[in-house]
Structures are given as C-alpha cells and as structure tokens.
C-alpha cells in the first residue's frame, strides 16, 4: 500500500497545488518546450507578470525545466513549492506546500 502511494505522490501533490491556485482565483497553465522534454508544472499571472511554479513532492528540489524556463523567458521571479521552508535564493521563492493558498498574496 505504501509503495502505491509513493508512485502517485507527485501527481497528488500537483493536484493539491492546482486546487489551491484555482481556489485563490488564479488560472493555472503549464509550459512545455518544443520537444516535449521539459515542462513547468504551472504558470500563473501575478500582478500582470507570468510566474512559473514548480511543485516538488520529495527531497530533491532541483529542476532543470524551471531553470530553462527562467533563462528563456526571464520572469521577475519563480516559485518552488516543496516540503522546505520559506526562502528566496537565485530568483526562486521557496514556499512550503502547506502555504500554497497564499501564492496570490505574494
């Protein structure tokens, strides 16, 4: 049973974040590169700017897809939701998963 939950952890976490974004009045989109090899989980409009959001359900918070998006489109900042605490480093705002509901207020 535990192994089955682990298999779906990423999808369930992304679904949770999507619901929180919609409940906050945001309209989430996603981004995928031309080859379909990289994708960013969500793109939302905040204060007239398109902001990429990457969701991480595990310990590894690295994301080459988010880095590629930032290099290509140069948003004012990016957001990473994970189990880690609040922070800001290299243009990425870290937000704990439990606080996904407050993204609109950033």
N, C-alpha and C. Protein backbone atom coordinates (compact mmCIF):
# COMPACT_ATOMS: atom_id res chain seq x y z
N UNK A 1 0.81 -1.20 0.00
CA UNK A 1 0.00 0.00 0.00
C UNK A 1 0.86 1.26 0.00
N UNK A 2 1.89 1.30 0.86
CA UNK A 2 2.75 2.47 0.94
C UNK A 2 3.47 2.72 -0.39
N UNK A 3 3.90 1.66 -1.06
CA UNK A 3 4.57 1.79 -2.35
C UNK A 3 3.63 2.40 -3.40
N UNK A 4 2.37 2.00 -3.37
CA UNK A 4 1.40 2.56 -4.31
C UNK A 4 1.21 4.05 -4.08
N UNK A 5 1.18 4.48 -2.84
CA UNK A 5 1.05 5.90 -2.54
C UNK A 5 2.27 6.67 -3.01
N UNK A 6 3.44 6.09 -2.86
CA UNK A 6 4.67 6.74 -3.31
C UNK A 6 4.65 6.95 -4.82
N UNK A 7 4.11 5.99 -5.55
CA UNK A 7 4.03 6.11 -7.01
C UNK A 7 3.20 7.31 -7.44
N UNK A 8 2.20 7.68 -6.67
CA UNK A 8 1.28 8.75 -7.04
C UNK A 8 1.52 10.05 -6.27
N UNK A 9 2.55 10.09 -5.45
CA UNK A 9 2.80 11.25 -4.59
C UNK A 9 2.96 12.54 -5.40
N UNK A 10 3.72 12.50 -6.47
CA UNK A 10 3.94 13.69 -7.29
C UNK A 10 2.66 14.21 -7.90
N UNK A 11 1.87 13.32 -8.47
CA UNK A 11 0.61 13.72 -9.09
C UNK A 11 -0.39 14.25 -8.08
N UNK A 12 -0.46 13.61 -6.93
CA UNK A 12 -1.38 14.07 -5.88
C UNK A 12 -0.95 15.44 -5.36
N UNK A 13 0.35 15.66 -5.23
CA UNK A 13 0.85 16.95 -4.75
C UNK A 13 0.56 18.04 -5.76
N UNK A 14 0.78 17.78 -7.04
CA UNK A 14 0.46 18.76 -8.07
C UNK A 14 -1.04 19.06 -8.10
N UNK A 15 -1.87 18.05 -7.92
CA UNK A 15 -3.31 18.25 -7.90
C UNK A 15 -3.71 19.14 -6.72
N UNK A 16 -3.14 18.91 -5.56
CA UNK A 16 -3.40 19.74 -4.38
C UNK A 16 -3.06 21.20 -4.68
N UNK A 17 -1.89 21.44 -5.26
CA UNK A 17 -1.47 22.81 -5.56
C UNK A 17 -2.41 23.43 -6.60
N UNK A 18 -2.78 22.69 -7.61
CA UNK A 18 -3.69 23.20 -8.63
C UNK A 18 -5.02 23.64 -8.00
N UNK A 19 -5.56 22.83 -7.11
CA UNK A 19 -6.81 23.18 -6.43
C UNK A 19 -6.63 24.46 -5.62
N UNK A 20 -5.50 24.59 -4.92
CA UNK A 20 -5.25 25.80 -4.13
C UNK A 20 -5.14 27.04 -5.01
N UNK A 21 -4.49 26.91 -6.17
CA UNK A 21 -4.37 28.04 -7.08
C UNK A 21 -5.75 28.47 -7.58
N UNK A 22 -6.55 27.52 -8.00
CA UNK A 22 -7.89 27.83 -8.50
C UNK A 22 -8.76 28.44 -7.41
N UNK A 23 -8.70 27.88 -6.20
CA UNK A 23 -9.48 28.43 -5.08
C UNK A 23 -9.06 29.85 -4.74
N UNK A 24 -7.81 30.20 -5.05
CA UNK A 24 -7.31 31.56 -4.80
C UNK A 24 -7.68 32.52 -5.92
N UNK A 25 -8.39 32.01 -6.92
CA UNK A 25 -8.81 32.87 -8.03
C UNK A 25 -7.81 32.95 -9.16
N UNK A 26 -6.79 32.11 -9.14
CA UNK A 26 -5.79 32.11 -10.21
C UNK A 26 -6.18 31.08 -11.27
N UNK A 27 -5.71 31.32 -12.48
CA UNK A 27 -5.97 30.38 -13.57
C UNK A 27 -4.64 29.76 -13.98
N UNK A 28 -4.38 28.52 -13.55
CA UNK A 28 -3.09 27.91 -13.84
C UNK A 28 -3.00 27.34 -15.25
N UNK A 29 -1.86 27.57 -15.87
CA UNK A 29 -1.48 26.98 -17.15
C UNK A 29 -0.21 26.19 -16.91
N UNK A 30 0.32 25.55 -17.94
CA UNK A 30 1.63 24.89 -17.80
C UNK A 30 2.44 25.21 -19.04
N UNK A 31 3.74 24.91 -18.96
CA UNK A 31 4.65 25.16 -20.08
C UNK A 31 5.40 23.88 -20.40
N UNK A 32 5.56 23.62 -21.68
CA UNK A 32 6.36 22.50 -22.16
C UNK A 32 7.21 23.02 -23.33
N UNK A 33 8.47 22.60 -23.41
CA UNK A 33 9.31 23.05 -24.51
C UNK A 33 8.87 22.40 -25.82
N UNK A 34 9.44 22.86 -26.93
CA UNK A 34 9.03 22.38 -28.26
C UNK A 34 9.21 20.88 -28.43
N UNK A 35 10.22 20.32 -27.82
CA UNK A 35 10.48 18.88 -27.96
C UNK A 35 9.67 18.03 -26.99
N UNK A 36 9.02 18.68 -26.02
CA UNK A 36 8.25 17.95 -25.04
C UNK A 36 9.09 17.26 -23.99
N UNK A 37 10.34 17.69 -23.85
CA UNK A 37 11.24 17.04 -22.90
C UNK A 37 11.34 17.78 -21.56
N UNK A 38 10.86 19.02 -21.50
CA UNK A 38 10.90 19.82 -20.28
C UNK A 38 9.53 20.44 -20.07
N UNK A 39 9.14 20.56 -18.80
CA UNK A 39 7.87 21.22 -18.51
C UNK A 39 7.91 21.85 -17.13
N UNK A 40 7.15 22.94 -17.00
CA UNK A 40 6.96 23.61 -15.72
C UNK A 40 5.52 23.33 -15.31
N UNK A 41 5.34 22.96 -14.05
CA UNK A 41 4.04 22.49 -13.59
C UNK A 41 2.92 23.51 -13.78
N UNK A 42 3.17 24.77 -13.39
CA UNK A 42 2.14 25.80 -13.52
C UNK A 42 2.76 27.13 -13.92
N UNK A 43 1.99 27.90 -14.67
CA UNK A 43 2.31 29.29 -14.97
C UNK A 43 1.07 30.08 -14.57
N UNK A 44 1.24 31.10 -13.73
CA UNK A 44 0.11 31.93 -13.31
C UNK A 44 0.45 33.40 -13.54
N UNK A 45 -0.59 34.21 -13.64
CA UNK A 45 -0.42 35.65 -13.77
C UNK A 45 -0.56 36.27 -12.39
N UNK A 46 0.51 36.91 -11.93
CA UNK A 46 0.51 37.62 -10.66
C UNK A 46 0.96 39.05 -10.91
N UNK A 47 0.13 40.00 -10.57
CA UNK A 47 0.44 41.42 -10.75
C UNK A 47 0.86 41.71 -12.19
N UNK A 48 0.19 41.06 -13.14
CA UNK A 48 0.47 41.31 -14.55
C UNK A 48 1.71 40.63 -15.09
N UNK A 49 2.34 39.79 -14.31
CA UNK A 49 3.55 39.07 -14.73
C UNK A 49 3.26 37.57 -14.77
N UNK A 50 3.83 36.88 -15.76
CA UNK A 50 3.71 35.42 -15.81
C UNK A 50 4.78 34.81 -14.92
N UNK A 51 4.34 34.05 -13.93
CA UNK A 51 5.23 33.48 -12.93
C UNK A 51 5.19 31.95 -13.01
N UNK A 52 6.35 31.32 -13.20
CA UNK A 52 6.39 29.85 -13.23
C UNK A 52 6.39 29.28 -11.81
N UNK A 53 5.69 28.16 -11.67
CA UNK A 53 5.60 27.48 -10.37
C UNK A 53 5.98 26.01 -10.57
N UNK A 54 6.95 25.57 -9.81
CA UNK A 54 7.37 24.17 -9.85
C UNK A 54 6.98 23.52 -8.52
N UNK A 55 6.40 22.34 -8.59
CA UNK A 55 5.95 21.61 -7.40
C UNK A 55 6.86 20.40 -7.20
N UNK A 56 7.39 20.28 -5.99
CA UNK A 56 8.25 19.15 -5.65
C UNK A 56 7.68 18.42 -4.45
N UNK A 57 7.43 17.12 -4.62
CA UNK A 57 6.85 16.35 -3.52
C UNK A 57 7.89 15.61 -2.70
N UNK A 58 9.11 15.56 -3.19
CA UNK A 58 10.16 14.82 -2.49
C UNK A 58 11.26 15.72 -1.98
N UNK A 59 12.37 15.11 -1.61
CA UNK A 59 13.51 15.84 -1.06
C UNK A 59 14.30 16.60 -2.12
N UNK A 60 14.32 16.08 -3.34
CA UNK A 60 15.08 16.71 -4.42
C UNK A 60 14.29 17.89 -4.97
N UNK A 61 14.85 19.10 -4.83
CA UNK A 61 14.14 20.28 -5.30
C UNK A 61 14.77 20.88 -6.56
N UNK A 62 15.75 20.22 -7.12
CA UNK A 62 16.36 20.71 -8.36
C UNK A 62 15.37 20.56 -9.51
N UNK A 63 15.43 21.51 -10.43
CA UNK A 63 14.54 21.44 -11.59
C UNK A 63 15.20 22.08 -12.80
N UNK A 64 15.67 21.26 -13.71
CA UNK A 64 16.28 21.81 -14.93
C UNK A 64 15.21 22.47 -15.80
N UNK A 65 13.98 21.96 -15.76
CA UNK A 65 12.91 22.56 -16.55
C UNK A 65 12.63 23.99 -16.09
N UNK A 66 12.54 24.20 -14.78
CA UNK A 66 12.31 25.54 -14.26
C UNK A 66 13.49 26.45 -14.61
N UNK A 67 14.70 25.95 -14.47
CA UNK A 67 15.88 26.75 -14.82
C UNK A 67 15.86 27.14 -16.30
N UNK A 68 15.50 26.21 -17.17
CA UNK A 68 15.43 26.51 -18.60
C UNK A 68 14.36 27.56 -18.89
N UNK A 69 13.20 27.45 -18.25
CA UNK A 69 12.13 28.42 -18.43
C UNK A 69 12.61 29.82 -18.01
N UNK A 70 13.25 29.90 -16.85
CA UNK A 70 13.73 31.19 -16.33
C UNK A 70 14.76 31.80 -17.28
N UNK A 71 15.67 31.00 -17.80
CA UNK A 71 16.67 31.52 -18.74
C UNK A 71 16.03 32.01 -20.04
N UNK A 72 15.01 31.30 -20.50
CA UNK A 72 14.37 31.63 -21.77
C UNK A 72 13.45 32.84 -21.67
N UNK A 73 12.63 32.92 -20.62
CA UNK A 73 11.60 33.96 -20.54
C UNK A 73 11.88 35.06 -19.51
N UNK A 74 12.85 34.87 -18.64
CA UNK A 74 13.28 35.86 -17.66
C UNK A 74 12.13 36.47 -16.85
N UNK A 75 11.36 35.65 -16.13
CA UNK A 75 10.32 36.21 -15.27
C UNK A 75 10.96 36.95 -14.10
N UNK A 76 10.22 37.84 -13.43
CA UNK A 76 10.82 38.59 -12.31
C UNK A 76 11.26 37.67 -11.16
N UNK A 77 10.61 36.53 -11.03
CA UNK A 77 10.98 35.50 -10.06
C UNK A 77 10.23 34.23 -10.43
N UNK A 78 10.60 33.14 -9.79
CA UNK A 78 9.91 31.86 -9.95
C UNK A 78 9.52 31.38 -8.56
N UNK A 79 8.60 30.43 -8.52
CA UNK A 79 8.14 29.87 -7.25
C UNK A 79 8.38 28.36 -7.25
N UNK A 80 8.90 27.87 -6.13
CA UNK A 80 9.05 26.43 -5.95
C UNK A 80 8.30 26.04 -4.67
N UNK A 81 7.32 25.17 -4.82
CA UNK A 81 6.59 24.64 -3.68
C UNK A 81 7.18 23.28 -3.33
N UNK A 82 7.51 23.10 -2.05
CA UNK A 82 8.11 21.83 -1.61
C UNK A 82 7.92 21.69 -0.11
N UNK A 83 8.55 20.69 0.46
CA UNK A 83 8.49 20.48 1.91
C UNK A 83 9.41 21.44 2.66
N UNK A 84 10.22 22.19 1.94
CA UNK A 84 11.17 23.11 2.56
C UNK A 84 10.45 24.37 3.05
N UNK A 85 11.13 25.14 3.89
CA UNK A 85 10.56 26.34 4.48
C UNK A 85 10.59 27.52 3.51
N UNK A 86 10.00 28.64 3.91
CA UNK A 86 10.03 29.85 3.11
C UNK A 86 11.47 30.30 2.88
N UNK A 87 11.74 30.86 1.70
CA UNK A 87 13.06 31.38 1.40
C UNK A 87 13.07 32.04 0.04
N UNK A 88 14.17 32.67 -0.27
CA UNK A 88 14.36 33.31 -1.58
C UNK A 88 15.83 33.20 -1.93
N UNK A 89 16.12 32.54 -3.06
CA UNK A 89 17.51 32.34 -3.46
C UNK A 89 17.57 32.24 -4.98
N UNK A 90 18.48 32.99 -5.59
CA UNK A 90 18.68 32.96 -7.04
C UNK A 90 17.39 33.19 -7.82
N UNK A 91 16.56 34.11 -7.35
CA UNK A 91 15.33 34.44 -8.06
C UNK A 91 14.21 33.43 -7.89
N UNK A 92 14.36 32.49 -6.97
CA UNK A 92 13.32 31.49 -6.73
C UNK A 92 12.78 31.64 -5.31
N UNK A 93 11.47 31.88 -5.22
CA UNK A 93 10.80 31.95 -3.92
C UNK A 93 10.41 30.54 -3.52
N UNK A 94 10.92 30.10 -2.40
CA UNK A 94 10.56 28.79 -1.86
C UNK A 94 9.37 28.97 -0.94
N UNK A 95 8.36 28.15 -1.16
CA UNK A 95 7.15 28.20 -0.35
C UNK A 95 6.81 26.77 0.08
N UNK A 96 6.53 26.57 1.36
CA UNK A 96 6.14 25.23 1.79
C UNK A 96 4.81 24.82 1.15
N UNK A 97 4.65 23.55 0.89
CA UNK A 97 3.42 23.05 0.26
C UNK A 97 2.17 23.47 1.03
N UNK A 98 2.24 23.46 2.35
CA UNK A 98 1.05 23.80 3.14
C UNK A 98 0.59 25.23 2.91
N UNK A 99 1.47 26.09 2.38
CA UNK A 99 1.15 27.51 2.19
C UNK A 99 0.80 27.83 0.73
N UNK A 100 0.47 26.83 -0.04
CA UNK A 100 0.13 27.06 -1.46
C UNK A 100 -1.02 28.05 -1.62
N UNK A 101 -1.90 28.11 -0.64
CA UNK A 101 -3.05 29.00 -0.72
C UNK A 101 -2.67 30.48 -0.71
N UNK A 102 -1.45 30.82 -0.27
CA UNK A 102 -1.08 32.24 -0.15
C UNK A 102 -0.30 32.78 -1.36
N UNK A 103 -0.15 32.00 -2.40
CA UNK A 103 0.63 32.44 -3.58
C UNK A 103 0.06 33.73 -4.16
N UNK A 104 -1.23 33.85 -4.23
CA UNK A 104 -1.85 35.04 -4.83
C UNK A 104 -1.44 36.31 -4.08
N UNK A 105 -1.13 36.20 -2.82
CA UNK A 105 -0.83 37.38 -1.99
C UNK A 105 0.65 37.74 -1.99
N UNK A 106 1.45 37.12 -2.82
CA UNK A 106 2.89 37.44 -2.82
C UNK A 106 3.17 38.78 -3.46
